[in-house]
């Protein structure tokens, strides 16, 4: 878990997709199965009002409000 400031561009690695960013946290917590992790990523995106297709996007491809989610 990390603090995401009002301008999330400074907090998110622009070279990683949203899925990679979320999966990094899952791997650190010990979740290793890639298929299960993908399902968890999709669940998390859905919880904040985003869809599975957003997982393959990079942070700069989101609007400001979407980045804050």
PDB file of N, CA and C in Angstrom:
ATOM      1  N   UNK A   1       0.856  -1.165   0.000  1.00  0.00           N
ATOM      2  CA  UNK A   1       0.000   0.000   0.000  1.00  0.00           C
ATOM      3  C   UNK A   1       0.899   1.224   0.000  1.00  0.00           C
ATOM      4  N   UNK A   2       0.499   2.211  -0.794  1.00  0.00           N
ATOM      5  CA  UNK A   2       1.276   3.440  -0.804  1.00  0.00           C
ATOM      6  C   UNK A   2       0.342   4.636  -0.868  1.00  0.00           C
ATOM      7  N   UNK A   3       0.843   5.759  -0.427  1.00  0.00           N
ATOM      8  CA  UNK A   3       0.084   7.000  -0.489  1.00  0.00           C
ATOM      9  C   UNK A   3       0.024   7.447  -1.943  1.00  0.00           C
ATOM     10  N   UNK A   4      -1.175   7.754  -2.426  1.00  0.00           N
ATOM     11  CA  UNK A   4      -1.355   8.315  -3.760  1.00  0.00           C
ATOM     12  C   UNK A   4      -1.802   9.756  -3.559  1.00  0.00           C
ATOM     13  N   UNK A   5      -0.956  10.689  -3.935  1.00  0.00           N
ATOM     14  CA  UNK A   5      -1.260  12.096  -3.735  1.00  0.00           C
ATOM     15  C   UNK A   5      -2.268  12.588  -4.765  1.00  0.00           C
ATOM     16  N   UNK A   6      -2.684  13.841  -4.631  1.00  0.00           N
ATOM     17  CA  UNK A   6      -3.730  14.381  -5.489  1.00  0.00           C
ATOM     18  C   UNK A   6      -3.351  14.280  -6.961  1.00  0.00           C
ATOM     19  N   UNK A   7      -2.073  14.415  -7.290  1.00  0.00           N
ATOM     20  CA  UNK A   7      -1.625  14.235  -8.668  1.00  0.00           C
ATOM     21  C   UNK A   7      -0.970  12.860  -8.761  1.00  0.00           C
ATOM     22  N   UNK A   8      -1.744  11.820  -9.091  1.00  0.00           N
ATOM     23  CA  UNK A   8      -1.235  10.455  -9.063  1.00  0.00           C
ATOM     24  C   UNK A   8      -0.165  10.149 -10.105  1.00  0.00           C
ATOM     25  N   UNK A   9       0.029  11.032 -11.090  1.00  0.00           N
ATOM     26  CA  UNK A   9       1.051  10.799 -12.111  1.00  0.00           C
ATOM     27  C   UNK A   9       2.418  10.644 -11.451  1.00  0.00           C
ATOM     28  N   UNK A  10       2.652  11.383 -10.376  1.00  0.00           N
ATOM     29  CA  UNK A  10       3.937  11.317  -9.684  1.00  0.00           C
ATOM     30  C   UNK A  10       4.108  10.034  -8.876  1.00  0.00           C
ATOM     31  N   UNK A  11       3.025   9.318  -8.612  1.00  0.00           N
ATOM     32  CA  UNK A  11       3.079   8.122  -7.774  1.00  0.00           C
ATOM     33  C   UNK A  11       3.101   6.821  -8.563  1.00  0.00           C
ATOM     34  N   UNK A  12       2.702   6.853  -9.838  1.00  0.00           N
ATOM     35  CA  UNK A  12       2.570   5.636 -10.637  1.00  0.00           C
ATOM     36  C   UNK A  12       3.681   5.544 -11.674  1.00  0.00           C
ATOM     37  N   UNK A  13       4.286   4.375 -11.797  1.00  0.00           N
ATOM     38  CA  UNK A  13       5.367   4.153 -12.760  1.00  0.00           C
ATOM     39  C   UNK A  13       4.796   4.202 -14.178  1.00  0.00           C
ATOM     40  N   UNK A  14       5.223   5.157 -14.997  1.00  0.00           N
ATOM     41  CA  UNK A  14       4.664   5.299 -16.345  1.00  0.00           C
ATOM     42  C   UNK A  14       5.042   4.167 -17.293  1.00  0.00           C
ATOM     43  N   UNK A  15       5.997   3.328 -16.902  1.00  0.00           N
ATOM     44  CA  UNK A  15       6.428   2.219 -17.767  1.00  0.00           C
ATOM     45  C   UNK A  15       5.680   0.926 -17.478  1.00  0.00           C
ATOM     46  N   UNK A  16       4.821   0.952 -16.472  1.00  0.00           N
ATOM     47  CA  UNK A  16       4.077  -0.252 -16.090  1.00  0.00           C
ATOM     48  C   UNK A  16       2.600  -0.070 -16.409  1.00  0.00           C
ATOM     49  N   UNK A  17       1.952  -1.163 -16.850  1.00  0.00           N
ATOM     50  CA  UNK A  17       0.507  -1.112 -17.041  1.00  0.00           C
ATOM     51  C   UNK A  17      -0.166  -1.130 -15.671  1.00  0.00           C
ATOM     52  N   UNK A  18      -1.436  -0.794 -15.660  1.00  0.00           N
ATOM     53  CA  UNK A  18      -2.187  -0.813 -14.404  1.00  0.00           C
ATOM     54  C   UNK A  18      -2.169  -2.217 -13.802  1.00  0.00           C
ATOM     55  N   UNK A  19      -2.302  -3.228 -14.660  1.00  0.00           N
ATOM     56  CA  UNK A  19      -2.264  -4.604 -14.152  1.00  0.00           C
ATOM     57  C   UNK A  19      -0.917  -4.904 -13.503  1.00  0.00           C
ATOM     58  N   UNK A  20       0.177  -4.489 -14.131  1.00  0.00           N
ATOM     59  CA  UNK A  20       1.504  -4.723 -13.555  1.00  0.00           C
ATOM     60  C   UNK A  20       1.648  -4.032 -12.200  1.00  0.00           C
ATOM     61  N   UNK A  21       1.125  -2.811 -12.107  1.00  0.00           N
ATOM     62  CA  UNK A  21       1.221  -2.052 -10.858  1.00  0.00           C
ATOM     63  C   UNK A  21       0.472  -2.774  -9.738  1.00  0.00           C
ATOM     64  N   UNK A  22      -0.738  -3.226 -10.030  1.00  0.00           N
ATOM     65  CA  UNK A  22      -1.539  -3.919  -9.008  1.00  0.00           C
ATOM     66  C   UNK A  22      -0.937  -5.281  -8.681  1.00  0.00           C
ATOM     67  N   UNK A  23      -0.480  -6.002  -9.716  1.00  0.00           N
ATOM     68  CA  UNK A  23       0.091  -7.333  -9.471  1.00  0.00           C
ATOM     69  C   UNK A  23       1.384  -7.264  -8.667  1.00  0.00           C
ATOM     70  N   UNK A  24       2.112  -6.176  -8.780  1.00  0.00           N
ATOM     71  CA  UNK A  24       3.327  -6.029  -7.979  1.00  0.00           C
ATOM     72  C   UNK A  24       2.986  -6.122  -6.490  1.00  0.00           C
ATOM     73  N   UNK A  25       1.920  -5.450  -6.087  1.00  0.00           N
ATOM     74  CA  UNK A  25       1.482  -5.522  -4.692  1.00  0.00           C
ATOM     75  C   UNK A  25       1.034  -6.915  -4.296  1.00  0.00           C
ATOM     76  N   UNK A  26       0.341  -7.596  -5.213  1.00  0.00           N
ATOM     77  CA  UNK A  26      -0.104  -8.968  -4.933  1.00  0.00           C
ATOM     78  C   UNK A  26       1.094  -9.905  -4.756  1.00  0.00           C
ATOM     79  N   UNK A  27       2.098  -9.771  -5.629  1.00  0.00           N
ATOM     80  CA  UNK A  27       3.295 -10.621  -5.520  1.00  0.00           C
ATOM     81  C   UNK A  27       4.020 -10.383  -4.199  1.00  0.00           C
ATOM     82  N   UNK A  28       4.107  -9.130  -3.794  1.00  0.00           N
ATOM     83  CA  UNK A  28       4.763  -8.807  -2.524  1.00  0.00           C
ATOM     84  C   UNK A  28       4.028  -9.468  -1.357  1.00  0.00           C
ATOM     85  N   UNK A  29       2.709  -9.579  -1.467  1.00  0.00           N
ATOM     86  CA  UNK A  29       1.893 -10.214  -0.430  1.00  0.00           C
ATOM     87  C   UNK A  29       1.920 -11.736  -0.511  1.00  0.00           C
ATOM     88  N   UNK A  30       2.617 -12.292  -1.510  1.00  0.00           N
ATOM     89  CA  UNK A  30       2.759 -13.741  -1.593  1.00  0.00           C
ATOM     90  C   UNK A  30       1.858 -14.430  -2.596  1.00  0.00           C
ATOM     91  N   UNK A  31       1.066 -13.674  -3.331  1.00  0.00           N
ATOM     92  CA  UNK A  31       0.201 -14.265  -4.352  1.00  0.00           C
ATOM     93  C   UNK A  31       1.030 -14.465  -5.620  1.00  0.00           C
ATOM     94  N   UNK A  32       1.231 -15.717  -6.031  1.00  0.00           N
ATOM     95  CA  UNK A  32       2.135 -16.015  -7.142  1.00  0.00           C
ATOM     96  C   UNK A  32       1.436 -16.489  -8.415  1.00  0.00           C
ATOM     97  N   UNK A  33       0.222 -17.005  -8.313  1.00  0.00           N
ATOM     98  CA  UNK A  33      -0.473 -17.565  -9.472  1.00  0.00           C
ATOM     99  C   UNK A  33      -0.947 -16.441 -10.401  1.00  0.00           C
ATOM    100  N   UNK A  34      -0.415 -16.402 -11.628  1.00  0.00           N
ATOM    101  CA  UNK A  34      -0.708 -15.303 -12.552  1.00  0.00           C
ATOM    102  C   UNK A  34      -2.180 -15.232 -12.934  1.00  0.00           C
ATOM    103  N   UNK A  35      -2.817 -16.383 -13.153  1.00  0.00           N
ATOM    104  CA  UNK A  35      -4.234 -16.383 -13.531  1.00  0.00           C
ATOM    105  C   UNK A  35      -5.103 -15.878 -12.379  1.00  0.00           C
ATOM    106  N   UNK A  36      -4.803 -16.332 -11.180  1.00  0.00           N
ATOM    107  CA  UNK A  36      -5.554 -15.871 -10.009  1.00  0.00           C
ATOM    108  C   UNK A  36      -5.333 -14.375  -9.785  1.00  0.00           C
ATOM    109  N   UNK A  37      -4.088 -13.939  -9.964  1.00  0.00           N
ATOM    110  CA  UNK A  37      -3.787 -12.522  -9.784  1.00  0.00           C
ATOM    111  C   UNK A  37      -4.532 -11.670 -10.799  1.00  0.00           C
ATOM    112  N   UNK A  38      -4.644 -12.160 -12.042  1.00  0.00           N
ATOM    113  CA  UNK A  38      -5.383 -11.409 -13.065  1.00  0.00           C
ATOM    114  C   UNK A  38      -6.845 -11.258 -12.637  1.00  0.00           C
ATOM    115  N   UNK A  39      -7.416 -12.335 -12.101  1.00  0.00           N
ATOM    116  CA  UNK A  39      -8.805 -12.271 -11.626  1.00  0.00           C
ATOM    117  C   UNK A  39      -8.938 -11.239 -10.506  1.00  0.00           C
ATOM    118  N   UNK A  40      -7.962 -11.214  -9.596  1.00  0.00           N
ATOM    119  CA  UNK A  40      -7.992 -10.256  -8.491  1.00  0.00           C
ATOM    120  C   UNK A  40      -7.877  -8.821  -9.015  1.00  0.00           C
ATOM    121  N   UNK A  41      -7.035  -8.628 -10.029  1.00  0.00           N
ATOM    122  CA  UNK A  41      -6.885  -7.298 -10.627  1.00  0.00           C
ATOM    123  C   UNK A  41      -8.216  -6.840 -11.208  1.00  0.00           C
ATOM    124  N   UNK A  42      -8.881  -7.716 -11.953  1.00  0.00           N
ATOM    125  CA  UNK A  42     -10.171  -7.375 -12.560  1.00  0.00           C
ATOM    126  C   UNK A  42     -11.199  -7.052 -11.475  1.00  0.00           C
ATOM    127  N   UNK A  43     -11.212  -7.834 -10.397  1.00  0.00           N
ATOM    128  CA  UNK A  43     -12.130  -7.569  -9.282  1.00  0.00           C
ATOM    129  C   UNK A  43     -11.870  -6.186  -8.682  1.00  0.00           C
ATOM    130  N   UNK A  44     -10.597  -5.865  -8.481  1.00  0.00           N
ATOM    131  CA  UNK A  44     -10.247  -4.568  -7.897  1.00  0.00           C
ATOM    132  C   UNK A  44     -10.652  -3.425  -8.825  1.00  0.00           C
ATOM    133  N   UNK A  45     -10.410  -3.592 -10.116  1.00  0.00           N
ATOM    134  CA  UNK A  45     -10.805  -2.555 -11.070  1.00  0.00           C
ATOM    135  C   UNK A  45     -12.317  -2.358 -11.054  1.00  0.00           C
ATOM    136  N   UNK A  46     -13.059  -3.461 -11.021  1.00  0.00           N
ATOM    137  CA  UNK A  46     -14.521  -3.368 -10.991  1.00  0.00           C
ATOM    138  C   UNK A  46     -15.014  -2.647  -9.736  1.00  0.00           C
ATOM    139  N   UNK A  47     -14.341  -2.875  -8.615  1.00  0.00           N
ATOM    140  CA  UNK A  47     -14.745  -2.232  -7.356  1.00  0.00           C
ATOM    141  C   UNK A  47     -14.647  -0.710  -7.423  1.00  0.00           C
ATOM    142  N   UNK A  48     -13.735  -0.207  -8.260  1.00  0.00           N
ATOM    143  CA  UNK A  48     -13.565   1.248  -8.361  1.00  0.00           C
ATOM    144  C   UNK A  48     -14.185   1.814  -9.639  1.00  0.00           C
ATOM    145  N   UNK A  49     -15.028   1.014 -10.300  1.00  0.00           N
ATOM    146  CA  UNK A  49     -15.764   1.513 -11.457  1.00  0.00           C
ATOM    147  C   UNK A  49     -15.025   1.456 -12.774  1.00  0.00           C
ATOM    148  N   UNK A  50     -13.972   0.650 -12.851  1.00  0.00           N
ATOM    149  CA  UNK A  50     -13.234   0.469 -14.103  1.00  0.00           C
ATOM    150  C   UNK A  50     -13.494  -0.939 -14.622  1.00  0.00           C
ATOM    151  N   UNK A  51     -13.212  -1.175 -15.896  1.00  0.00           N
ATOM    152  CA  UNK A  51     -13.470  -2.481 -16.502  1.00  0.00           C
ATOM    153  C   UNK A  51     -12.157  -3.191 -16.825  1.00  0.00           C
ATOM    154  N   UNK A  52     -12.257  -4.468 -17.177  1.00  0.00           N
ATOM    155  CA  UNK A  52     -11.071  -5.297 -17.423  1.00  0.00           C
ATOM    156  C   UNK A  52     -10.137  -4.689 -18.463  1.00  0.00           C
ATOM    157  N   UNK A  53     -10.694  -4.028 -19.468  1.00  0.00           N
ATOM    158  CA  UNK A  53      -9.869  -3.445 -20.527  1.00  0.00           C
ATOM    159  C   UNK A  53      -8.911  -2.376 -20.000  1.00  0.00           C
ATOM    160  N   UNK A  54      -9.238  -1.792 -18.864  1.00  0.00           N
ATOM    161  CA  UNK A  54      -8.362  -0.781 -18.277  1.00  0.00           C
ATOM    162  C   UNK A  54      -7.058  -1.388 -17.751  1.00  0.00           C
ATOM    163  N   UNK A  55      -7.037  -2.681 -17.503  1.00  0.00           N
ATOM    164  CA  UNK A  55      -5.853  -3.331 -16.931  1.00  0.00           C
ATOM    165  C   UNK A  55      -4.635  -3.206 -17.833  1.00  0.00           C
ATOM    166  N   UNK A  56      -4.842  -3.161 -19.140  1.00  0.00           N
ATOM    167  CA  UNK A  56      -3.708  -3.120 -20.067  1.00  0.00           C
ATOM    168  C   UNK A  56      -3.263  -1.698 -20.396  1.00  0.00           C
ATOM    169  N   UNK A  57      -3.887  -0.715 -19.798  1.00  0.00           N
ATOM    170  CA  UNK A  57      -3.522   0.679 -20.060  1.00  0.00           C
ATOM    171  C   UNK A  57      -2.382   1.129 -19.147  1.00  0.00           C
ATOM    172  N   UNK A  58      -1.727   2.185 -19.592  1.00  0.00           N
ATOM    173  CA  UNK A  58      -0.675   2.822 -18.802  1.00  0.00           C
ATOM    174  C   UNK A  58      -1.282   4.015 -18.062  1.00  0.00           C
ATOM    175  N   UNK A  59      -0.678   4.429 -16.954  1.00  0.00           N
ATOM    176  CA  UNK A  59      -1.258   5.512 -16.157  1.00  0.00           C
ATOM    177  C   UNK A  59      -1.585   6.781 -16.951  1.00  0.00           C
ATOM    178  N   UNK A  60      -0.735   7.144 -17.911  1.00  0.00           N
ATOM    179  CA  UNK A  60      -0.975   8.385 -18.662  1.00  0.00           C
ATOM    180  C   UNK A  60      -2.190   8.292 -19.587  1.00  0.00           C
ATOM    181  N   UNK A  61      -2.736   7.090 -19.785  1.00  0.00           N
ATOM    182  CA  UNK A  61      -3.885   6.901 -20.659  1.00  0.00           C
ATOM    183  C   UNK A  61      -5.223   7.083 -19.933  1.00  0.00           C
ATOM    184  N   UNK A  62      -5.174   7.405 -18.663  1.00  0.00           N
ATOM    185  CA  UNK A  62      -6.380   7.602 -17.862  1.00  0.00           C
ATOM    186  C   UNK A  62      -6.629   9.088 -17.638  1.00  0.00           C
ATOM    187  N   UNK A  63      -7.888   9.429 -17.412  1.00  0.00           N
ATOM    188  CA  UNK A  63      -8.217  10.796 -17.015  1.00  0.00           C
ATOM    189  C   UNK A  63      -7.748  10.999 -15.571  1.00  0.00           C
ATOM    190  N   UNK A  64      -7.718  12.236 -15.133  1.00  0.00           N
ATOM    191  CA  UNK A  64      -7.273  12.524 -13.768  1.00  0.00           C
ATOM    192  C   UNK A  64      -8.083  11.796 -12.713  1.00  0.00           C
ATOM    193  N   UNK A  65      -9.405  11.763 -12.886  1.00  0.00           N
ATOM    194  CA  UNK A  65     -10.268  11.073 -11.926  1.00  0.00           C
ATOM    195  C   UNK A  65     -10.045   9.579 -11.920  1.00  0.00           C
ATOM    196  N   UNK A  66      -9.835   9.000 -13.095  1.00  0.00           N
ATOM    197  CA  UNK A  66      -9.578   7.558 -13.167  1.00  0.00           C
ATOM    198  C   UNK A  66      -8.256   7.221 -12.498  1.00  0.00           C
ATOM    199  N   UNK A  67      -7.254   8.055 -12.642  1.00  0.00           N
ATOM    200  CA  UNK A  67      -5.953   7.794 -12.008  1.00  0.00           C
ATOM    201  C   UNK A  67      -6.078   7.767 -10.494  1.00  0.00           C
ATOM    202  N   UNK A  68      -6.933   8.614  -9.950  1.00  0.00           N
ATOM    203  CA  UNK A  68      -7.075   8.673  -8.496  1.00  0.00           C
ATOM    204  C   UNK A  68      -7.762   7.441  -7.930  1.00  0.00           C
ATOM    205  N   UNK A  69      -8.515   6.729  -8.753  1.00  0.00           N
ATOM    206  CA  UNK A  69      -9.185   5.516  -8.273  1.00  0.00           C
ATOM    207  C   UNK A  69      -8.159   4.445  -8.043  1.00  0.00           C
TER     208      UNK A  69
END
